[in-house]
PDB file of N, CA and C in Angstrom:
ATOM      1  N   MET A   1    -201.796-130.158-148.380  1.00  0.00           N
ATOM      2  CA  MET A   1    -201.178-131.468-148.593  1.00  0.00           C
ATOM      3  C   MET A   1    -202.283-132.518-148.483  1.00  0.00           C
ATOM      4  N   PRO A   2    -202.382-133.401-149.470  1.00  0.00           N
ATOM      5  CA  PRO A   2    -203.399-134.452-149.387  1.00  0.00           C
ATOM      6  C   PRO A   2    -203.187-135.329-148.156  1.00  0.00           C
ATOM      7  N   GLU A   3    -204.284-135.864-147.663  1.00  0.00           N
ATOM      8  CA  GLU A   3    -204.247-136.694-146.452  1.00  0.00           C
ATOM      9  C   GLU A   3    -203.329-137.902-146.613  1.00  0.00           C
ATOM     10  N   GLU A   4    -203.339-138.533-147.805  1.00  0.00           N
ATOM     11  CA  GLU A   4    -202.513-139.729-148.005  1.00  0.00           C
ATOM     12  C   GLU A   4    -201.023-139.417-147.905  1.00  0.00           C
ATOM     13  N   ARG A   5    -200.587-138.261-148.376  1.00  0.00           N
ATOM     14  CA  ARG A   5    -199.176-137.892-148.251  1.00  0.00           C
ATOM     15  C   ARG A   5    -198.796-137.692-146.795  1.00  0.00           C
ATOM     16  N   ALA A   6    -199.670-137.035-146.050  1.00  0.00           N
ATOM     17  CA  ALA A   6    -199.380-136.790-144.635  1.00  0.00           C
ATOM     18  C   ALA A   6    -199.234-138.099-143.880  1.00  0.00           C
ATOM     19  N   SER A   7    -200.018-139.115-144.224  1.00  0.00           N
ATOM     20  CA  SER A   7    -199.955-140.381-143.494  1.00  0.00           C
ATOM     21  C   SER A   7    -198.649-141.124-143.776  1.00  0.00           C
ATOM     22  N   TYR A   8    -198.029-140.867-144.918  1.00  0.00           N
ATOM     23  CA  TYR A   8    -196.759-141.517-145.233  1.00  0.00           C
ATOM     24  C   TYR A   8    -195.564-140.693-144.772  1.00  0.00           C
ATOM     25  N   GLY A   9    -195.810-139.510-144.272  1.00  0.00           N
ATOM     26  CA  GLY A   9    -194.717-138.688-143.800  1.00  0.00           C
ATOM     27  C   GLY A   9    -193.909-138.089-144.926  1.00  0.00           C
ATOM     28  N   THR A  10    -194.535-137.850-146.064  1.00  0.00           N
ATOM     29  CA  THR A  10    -193.804-137.255-147.177  1.00  0.00           C
ATOM     30  C   THR A  10    -193.996-135.748-147.179  1.00  0.00           C
ATOM     31  N   LYS A  11    -193.102-135.101-147.864  1.00  0.00           N
ATOM     32  CA  LYS A  11    -193.142-133.650-147.970  1.00  0.00           C
ATOM     33  C   LYS A  11    -192.708-133.280-149.384  1.00  0.00           C
ATOM     34  N   PRO A  12    -193.478-132.458-150.066  1.00  0.00           N
ATOM     35  CA  PRO A  12    -193.079-132.103-151.423  1.00  0.00           C
ATOM     36  C   PRO A  12    -191.768-131.329-151.422  1.00  0.00           C
ATOM     37  N   ALA A  13    -190.948-131.600-152.422  1.00  0.00           N
ATOM     38  CA  ALA A  13    -189.659-130.910-152.540  1.00  0.00           C
ATOM     39  C   ALA A  13    -189.537-130.365-153.958  1.00  0.00           C
ATOM     40  N   GLN A  14    -189.008-129.191-154.038  1.00  0.00           N
ATOM     41  CA  GLN A  14    -188.770-128.599-155.349  1.00  0.00           C
ATOM     42  C   GLN A  14    -187.317-128.171-155.415  1.00  0.00           C
ATOM     43  N   PHE A  15    -186.622-128.698-156.386  1.00  0.00           N
ATOM     44  CA  PHE A  15    -185.241-128.302-156.592  1.00  0.00           C
ATOM     45  C   PHE A  15    -184.918-128.516-158.064  1.00  0.00           C
ATOM     46  N   ARG A  16    -183.917-127.833-158.513  1.00  0.00           N
ATOM     47  CA  ARG A  16    -183.526-127.916-159.916  1.00  0.00           C
ATOM     48  C   ARG A  16    -182.458-128.985-160.099  1.00  0.00           C
ATOM     49  N   LEU A  17    -182.579-129.692-161.212  1.00  0.00           N
ATOM     50  CA  LEU A  17    -181.602-130.705-161.590  1.00  0.00           C
ATOM     51  C   LEU A  17    -181.000-130.319-162.928  1.00  0.00           C
ATOM     52  N   PRO A  18    -179.745-130.672-163.142  1.00  0.00           N
ATOM     53  CA  PRO A  18    -179.176-130.466-164.479  1.00  0.00           C
ATOM     54  C   PRO A  18    -179.959-131.300-165.496  1.00  0.00           C
ATOM     55  N   VAL A  19    -179.907-130.885-166.728  1.00  0.00           N
ATOM     56  CA  VAL A  19    -180.642-131.578-167.788  1.00  0.00           C
ATOM     57  C   VAL A  19    -180.248-133.052-167.845  1.00  0.00           C
ATOM     58  N   TRP A  20    -178.947-133.347-167.744  1.00  0.00           N
ATOM     59  CA  TRP A  20    -178.501-134.740-167.835  1.00  0.00           C
ATOM     60  C   TRP A  20    -179.121-135.594-166.729  1.00  0.00           C
ATOM     61  N   ALA A  21    -179.267-135.025-165.526  1.00  0.00           N
ATOM     62  CA  ALA A  21    -179.827-135.782-164.409  1.00  0.00           C
ATOM     63  C   ALA A  21    -181.307-136.063-164.645  1.00  0.00           C
ATOM     64  N   HIS A  22    -182.008-135.077-165.146  1.00  0.00           N
ATOM     65  CA  HIS A  22    -183.429-135.260-165.442  1.00  0.00           C
ATOM     66  C   HIS A  22    -183.620-136.315-166.532  1.00  0.00           C
ATOM     67  N   GLU A  23    -182.792-136.229-167.578  1.00  0.00           N
ATOM     68  CA  GLU A  23    -182.882-137.213-168.660  1.00  0.00           C
ATOM     69  C   GLU A  23    -182.532-138.613-168.159  1.00  0.00           C
ATOM     70  N   PHE A  24    -181.521-138.698-167.314  1.00  0.00           N
ATOM     71  CA  PHE A  24    -181.138-139.992-166.739  1.00  0.00           C
ATOM     72  C   PHE A  24    -182.286-140.579-165.917  1.00  0.00           C
ATOM     73  N   LEU A  25    -182.881-139.761-165.074  1.00  0.00           N
ATOM     74  CA  LEU A  25    -184.004-140.238-164.262  1.00  0.00           C
ATOM     75  C   LEU A  25    -185.166-140.694-165.129  1.00  0.00           C
ATOM     76  N   SER A  26    -185.438-139.959-166.183  1.00  0.00           N
ATOM     77  CA  SER A  26    -186.533-140.339-167.087  1.00  0.00           C
ATOM     78  C   SER A  26    -186.242-141.684-167.757  1.00  0.00           C
ATOM     79  N   ARG A  27    -185.010-141.854-168.259  1.00  0.00           N
ATOM     80  CA  ARG A  27    -184.640-143.120-168.903  1.00  0.00           C
ATOM     81  C   ARG A  27    -184.710-144.282-167.917  1.00  0.00           C
ATOM     82  N   GLU A  28    -184.113-144.094-166.745  1.00  0.00           N
ATOM     83  CA  GLU A  28    -184.109-145.163-165.741  1.00  0.00           C
ATOM     84  C   GLU A  28    -185.523-145.501-165.289  1.00  0.00           C
ATOM     85  N   SER A  29    -186.334-144.500-165.156  1.00  0.00           N
ATOM     86  CA  SER A  29    -187.717-144.709-164.743  1.00  0.00           C
ATOM     87  C   SER A  29    -188.447-145.609-165.738  1.00  0.00           C
ATOM     88  N   LEU A  30    -188.247-145.333-167.030  1.00  0.00           N
ATOM     89  CA  LEU A  30    -188.886-146.161-168.061  1.00  0.00           C
ATOM     90  C   LEU A  30    -188.298-147.560-168.104  1.00  0.00           C
ATOM     91  N   GLN A  31    -186.978-147.667-168.043  1.00  0.00           N
ATOM     92  CA  GLN A  31    -186.322-148.968-168.152  1.00  0.00           C
ATOM     93  C   GLN A  31    -186.616-149.875-166.963  1.00  0.00           C
ATOM     94  N   GLN A  32    -186.662-149.284-165.777  1.00  0.00           N
ATOM     95  CA  GLN A  32    -186.860-150.088-164.569  1.00  0.00           C
ATOM     96  C   GLN A  32    -188.322-150.181-164.146  1.00  0.00           C
ATOM     97  N   ASN A  33    -189.165-149.443-164.838  1.00  0.00           N
ATOM     98  CA  ASN A  33    -190.583-149.384-164.486  1.00  0.00           C
ATOM     99  C   ASN A  33    -190.752-148.959-163.016  1.00  0.00           C
ATOM    100  N   ARG A  34    -189.979-147.944-162.654  1.00  0.00           N
ATOM    101  CA  ARG A  34    -190.032-147.376-161.305  1.00  0.00           C
ATOM    102  C   ARG A  34    -190.240-145.871-161.437  1.00  0.00           C
ATOM    103  N   THR A  35    -190.723-145.270-160.380  1.00  0.00           N
ATOM    104  CA  THR A  35    -190.904-143.823-160.421  1.00  0.00           C
ATOM    105  C   THR A  35    -189.559-143.131-160.236  1.00  0.00           C
ATOM    106  N   LYS A  36    -189.495-141.904-160.698  1.00  0.00           N
ATOM    107  CA  LYS A  36    -188.281-141.110-160.503  1.00  0.00           C
ATOM    108  C   LYS A  36    -188.011-140.936-159.008  1.00  0.00           C
ATOM    109  N   THR A  37    -189.065-140.781-158.249  1.00  0.00           N
ATOM    110  CA  THR A  37    -188.927-140.630-156.803  1.00  0.00           C
ATOM    111  C   THR A  37    -188.280-141.863-156.194  1.00  0.00           C
ATOM    112  N   ASP A  38    -188.718-143.056-156.611  1.00  0.00           N
ATOM    113  CA  ASP A  38    -188.131-144.295-156.081  1.00  0.00           C
ATOM    114  C   ASP A  38    -186.649-144.405-156.432  1.00  0.00           C
ATOM    115  N   ILE A  39    -186.296-143.981-157.645  1.00  0.00           N
ATOM    116  CA  ILE A  39    -184.896-144.030-158.051  1.00  0.00           C
ATOM    117  C   ILE A  39    -184.066-143.067-157.215  1.00  0.00           C
ATOM    118  N   LEU A  40    -184.586-141.855-157.021  1.00  0.00           N
ATOM    119  CA  LEU A  40    -183.880-140.879-156.180  1.00  0.00           C
ATOM    120  C   LEU A  40    -183.761-141.362-154.743  1.00  0.00           C
ATOM    121  N   LEU A  41    -184.813-141.967-154.219  1.00  0.00           N
ATOM    122  CA  LEU A  41    -184.761-142.469-152.844  1.00  0.00           C
ATOM    123  C   LEU A  41    -183.730-143.586-152.703  1.00  0.00           C
ATOM    124  N   SER A  42    -183.632-144.448-153.711  1.00  0.00           N
ATOM    125  CA  SER A  42    -182.616-145.503-153.680  1.00  0.00           C
ATOM    126  C   SER A  42    -181.217-144.902-153.668  1.00  0.00           C
ATOM    127  N   ALA A  43    -181.016-143.880-154.508  1.00  0.00           N
ATOM    128  CA  ALA A  43    -179.712-143.219-154.556  1.00  0.00           C
ATOM    129  C   ALA A  43    -179.410-142.529-153.233  1.00  0.00           C
ATOM    130  N   LEU A  44    -180.398-141.909-152.631  1.00  0.00           N
ATOM    131  CA  LEU A  44    -180.188-141.239-151.347  1.00  0.00           C
ATOM    132  C   LEU A  44    -179.880-142.240-150.241  1.00  0.00           C
ATOM    133  N   GLU A  45    -180.535-143.382-150.271  1.00  0.00           N
ATOM    134  CA  GLU A  45    -180.249-144.425-149.273  1.00  0.00           C
ATOM    135  C   GLU A  45    -178.817-144.918-149.413  1.00  0.00           C
ATOM    136  N   ALA A  46    -178.370-145.122-150.653  1.00  0.00           N
ATOM    137  CA  ALA A  46    -176.986-145.560-150.878  1.00  0.00           C
ATOM    138  C   ALA A  46    -176.009-144.505-150.382  1.00  0.00           C
ATOM    139  N   TYR A  47    -176.304-143.241-150.648  1.00  0.00           N
ATOM    140  CA  TYR A  47    -175.437-142.150-150.186  1.00  0.00           C
ATOM    141  C   TYR A  47    -175.446-142.070-148.663  1.00  0.00           C
ATOM    142  N   LYS A  48    -176.603-142.267-148.085  1.00  0.00           N
ATOM    143  CA  LYS A  48    -176.727-142.233-146.613  1.00  0.00           C
ATOM    144  C   LYS A  48    -175.871-143.334-145.985  1.00  0.00           C
ATOM    145  N   ARG A  49    -175.903-144.534-146.551  1.00  0.00           N
ATOM    146  CA  ARG A  49    -175.076-145.638-146.048  1.00  0.00           C
ATOM    147  C   ARG A  49    -173.595-145.321-146.211  1.00  0.00           C
ATOM    148  N   GLN A  50    -173.237-144.780-147.367  1.00  0.00           N
ATOM    149  CA  GLN A  50    -171.836-144.424-147.628  1.00  0.00           C
ATOM    150  C   GLN A  50    -171.344-143.399-146.613  1.00  0.00           C
ATOM    151  N   ARG A  51    -172.126-142.374-146.355  1.00  0.00           N
ATOM    152  CA  ARG A  51    -171.734-141.343-145.381  1.00  0.00           C
ATOM    153  C   ARG A  51    -171.629-141.928-143.977  1.00  0.00           C
ATOM    154  N   PHE A  52    -172.548-142.819-143.625  1.00  0.00           N
ATOM    155  CA  PHE A  52    -172.507-143.458-142.317  1.00  0.00           C
ATOM    156  C   PHE A  52    -171.196-144.223-142.161  1.00  0.00           C
ATOM    157  N   GLU A  53    -170.832-144.981-143.199  1.00  0.00           N
ATOM    158  CA  GLU A  53    -169.593-145.759-143.143  1.00  0.00           C
ATOM    159  C   GLU A  53    -168.369-144.849-143.080  1.00  0.00           C
ATOM    160  N   GLU A  54    -168.395-143.734-143.813  1.00  0.00           N
ATOM    161  CA  GLU A  54    -167.283-142.780-143.754  1.00  0.00           C
ATOM    162  C   GLU A  54    -167.140-142.202-142.354  1.00  0.00           C
ATOM    163  N   LEU A  55    -168.266-141.768-141.790  1.00  0.00           N
ATOM    164  CA  LEU A  55    -168.228-141.183-140.451  1.00  0.00           C
ATOM    165  C   LEU A  55    -167.837-142.213-139.407  1.00  0.00           C
ATOM    166  N   LEU A  56    -168.315-143.434-139.574  1.00  0.00           N
ATOM    167  CA  LEU A  56    -167.950-144.513-138.653  1.00  0.00           C
ATOM    168  C   LEU A  56    -166.451-144.763-138.708  1.00  0.00           C
ATOM    169  N   GLY A  57    -165.891-144.778-139.914  1.00  0.00           N
ATOM    170  CA  GLY A  57    -164.455-144.964-140.074  1.00  0.00           C
ATOM    171  C   GLY A  57    -163.661-143.852-139.415  1.00  0.00           C
ATOM    172  N   GLN A  58    -164.130-142.614-139.556  1.00  0.00           N
ATOM    173  CA  GLN A  58    -163.455-141.482-138.926  1.00  0.00           C
ATOM    174  C   GLN A  58    -163.510-141.609-137.407  1.00  0.00           C
ATOM    175  N   GLU A  59    -164.679-141.943-136.890  1.00  0.00           N
ATOM    176  CA  GLU A  59    -164.821-142.107-135.441  1.00  0.00           C
ATOM    177  C   GLU A  59    -163.948-143.249-134.935  1.00  0.00           C
ATOM    178  N   TYR A  60    -163.902-144.336-135.695  1.00  0.00           N
ATOM    179  CA  TYR A  60    -163.072-145.472-135.305  1.00  0.00           C
ATOM    180  C   TYR A  60    -161.603-145.060-135.244  1.00  0.00           C
ATOM    181  N   ALA A  61    -161.154-144.316-136.251  1.00  0.00           N
ATOM    182  CA  ALA A  61    -159.753-143.877-136.285  1.00  0.00           C
ATOM    183  C   ALA A  61    -159.447-142.971-135.091  1.00  0.00           C
ATOM    184  N   GLU A  62    -160.372-142.064-134.774  1.00  0.00           N
ATOM    185  CA  GLU A  62    -160.163-141.170-133.630  1.00  0.00           C
ATOM    186  C   GLU A  62    -160.130-141.961-132.317  1.00  0.00           C
ATOM    187  N   THR A  63    -161.047-142.897-132.183  1.00  0.00           N
ATOM    188  CA  THR A  63    -161.092-143.708-130.960  1.00  0.00           C
ATOM    189  C   THR A  63    -159.843-144.571-130.841  1.00  0.00           C
ATOM    190  N   ALA A  64    -159.396-145.136-131.960  1.00  0.00           N
ATOM    191  CA  ALA A  64    -158.189-145.963-131.941  1.00  0.00           C
ATOM    192  C   ALA A  64    -156.981-145.121-131.531  1.00  0.00           C
ATOM    193  N   ALA A  65    -156.915-143.884-132.016  1.00  0.00           N
ATOM    194  CA  ALA A  65    -155.802-143.000-131.640  1.00  0.00           C
ATOM    195  C   ALA A  65    -155.847-142.697-130.145  1.00  0.00           C
ATOM    196  N   GLU A  66    -157.040-142.440-129.629  1.00  0.00           N
ATOM    197  CA  GLU A  66    -157.181-142.187-128.191  1.00  0.00           C
ATOM    198  C   GLU A  66    -156.777-143.418-127.388  1.00  0.00           C
ATOM    199  N   ASP A  67    -157.187-144.597-127.878  1.00  0.00           N
ATOM    200  CA  ASP A  67    -156.835-145.840-127.183  1.00  0.00           C
ATOM    201  C   ASP A  67    -155.324-146.063-127.175  1.00  0.00           C
ATOM    202  N   ARG A  68    -154.660-145.737-128.288  1.00  0.00           N
ATOM    203  CA  ARG A  68    -153.206-145.897-128.338  1.00  0.00           C
ATOM    204  C   ARG A  68    -152.520-144.979-127.328  1.00  0.00           C
ATOM    205  N   VAL A  69    -153.033-143.773-127.154  1.00  0.00           N
ATOM    206  CA  VAL A  69    -152.477-142.850-126.163  1.00  0.00           C
ATOM    207  C   VAL A  69    -152.665-143.432-124.762  1.00  0.00           C
ATOM    208  N   GLN A  70    -153.843-143.960-124.508  1.00  0.00           N
ATOM    209  CA  GLN A  70    -154.115-144.541-123.189  1.00  0.00           C
ATOM    210  C   GLN A  70    -153.243-145.777-122.938  1.00  0.00           C
ATOM    211  N   VAL A  71    -153.076-146.614-123.943  1.00  0.00           N
ATOM    212  CA  VAL A  71    -152.228-147.798-123.802  1.00  0.00           C
ATOM    213  C   VAL A  71    -150.788-147.384-123.522  1.00  0.00           C
ATOM    214  N   ALA A  72    -150.324-146.350-124.209  1.00  0.00           N
ATOM    215  CA  ALA A  72    -148.958-145.865-123.983  1.00  0.00           C
ATOM    216  C   ALA A  72    -148.799-145.394-122.541  1.00  0.00           C
ATOM    217  N   ALA A  73    -149.827-144.745-122.011  1.00  0.00           N
ATOM    218  CA  ALA A  73    -149.754-144.283-120.625  1.00  0.00           C
ATOM    219  C   ALA A  73    -149.704-145.478-119.671  1.00  0.00           C
ATOM    220  N   TRP A  74    -150.467-146.514-119.941  1.00  0.00           N
ATOM    221  CA  TRP A  74    -150.462-147.695-119.086  1.00  0.00           C
ATOM    222  C   TRP A  74    -149.177-148.491-119.263  1.00  0.00           C
ATOM    223  N   ASP A  75    -148.620-148.467-120.455  1.00  0.00           N
ATOM    224  CA  ASP A  75    -147.366-149.193-120.691  1.00  0.00           C
ATOM    225  C   ASP A  75    -146.236-148.653-119.817  1.00  0.00           C
ATOM    226  N   ALA A  76    -146.328-147.397-119.466  1.00  0.00           N
ATOM    227  CA  ALA A  76    -145.306-146.810-118.607  1.00  0.00           C
ATOM    228  C   ALA A  76    -145.299-147.484-117.237  1.00  0.00           C
ATOM    229  N   THR A  77    -146.415-148.041-116.818  1.00  0.00           N
ATOM    230  CA  THR A  77    -146.476-148.706-115.509  1.00  0.00           C
ATOM    231  C   THR A  77    -145.782-150.062-115.524  1.00  0.00           C
ATOM    232  N   VAL A  78    -145.474-150.577-116.707  1.00  0.00           N
ATOM    233  CA  VAL A  78    -144.780-151.855-116.797  1.00  0.00           C
ATOM    234  C   VAL A  78    -143.408-151.736-116.139  1.00  0.00           C
ATOM    235  N   ALA A  79    -142.821-150.578-116.205  1.00  0.00           N
ATOM    236  CA  ALA A  79    -141.482-150.380-115.644  1.00  0.00           C
ATOM    237  C   ALA A  79    -141.531-150.005-114.167  1.00  0.00           C
ATOM    238  N   ASP A  80    -142.550-150.460-113.470  1.00  0.00           N
ATOM    239  CA  ASP A  80    -142.680-150.098-112.044  1.00  0.00           C
ATOM    240  C   ASP A  80    -141.974-151.080-111.119  1.00  0.00           C
ATOM    241  N   GLY A  81    -141.126-151.931-111.674  1.00  0.00           N
ATOM    242  CA  GLY A  81    -140.331-152.822-110.869  1.00  0.00           C
ATOM    243  C   GLY A  81    -140.915-154.196-110.674  1.00  0.00           C
ATOM    244  N   LEU A  82    -142.066-154.474-111.192  1.00  0.00           N
ATOM    245  CA  LEU A  82    -142.665-155.792-111.066  1.00  0.00           C
ATOM    246  C   LEU A  82    -142.040-156.736-112.089  1.00  0.00           C
ATOM    247  N   GLU A  83    -142.037-157.989-111.738  1.00  0.00           N
ATOM    248  CA  GLU A  83    -141.526-158.999-112.661  1.00  0.00           C
ATOM    249  C   GLU A  83    -142.484-159.102-113.841  1.00  0.00           C
ATOM    250  N   THR A  84    -141.951-159.353-115.003  1.00  0.00           N
ATOM    251  CA  THR A  84    -142.811-159.551-116.191  1.00  0.00           C
ATOM    252  C   THR A  84    -143.243-161.008-116.233  1.00  0.00           C
ATOM    253  N   ASP A  85    -144.448-161.205-116.516  1.00  0.00           N
ATOM    254  CA  ASP A  85    -145.005-162.545-116.644  1.00  0.00           C
ATOM    255  C   ASP A  85    -145.327-162.805-118.124  1.00  0.00           C
ATOM    256  N   GLU A  86    -145.171-164.060-118.497  1.00  0.00           N
ATOM    257  CA  GLU A  86    -145.590-164.426-119.842  1.00  0.00           C
ATOM    258  C   GLU A  86    -147.032-164.851-119.755  1.00  0.00           C
ATOM    259  N   TRP A  87    -147.785-164.401-120.726  1.00  0.00           N
ATOM    260  CA  TRP A  87    -149.205-164.726-120.738  1.00  0.00           C
ATOM    261  C   TRP A  87    -149.435-165.905-121.561  1.00  0.00           C
TER     262      TRP A  87
END
């Protein structure tokens, strides 16, 4: 691995793409005057953000469900004979 690649923390990757994907990358690369690698990295960053938001939403839903269970348990203490106060 050349020294310059190591300093940027890159690693060569080899994988197969469908013909349409390769052609799309070639066209976009020419039109945007960007490298195919830059286009792929942009797409991966967008996918990474999307997955983060999906996972965050799932975690939020799970936490909200747990909180509702806990609130229901505490709500049972309202009937402990104390006067209700208006807040």
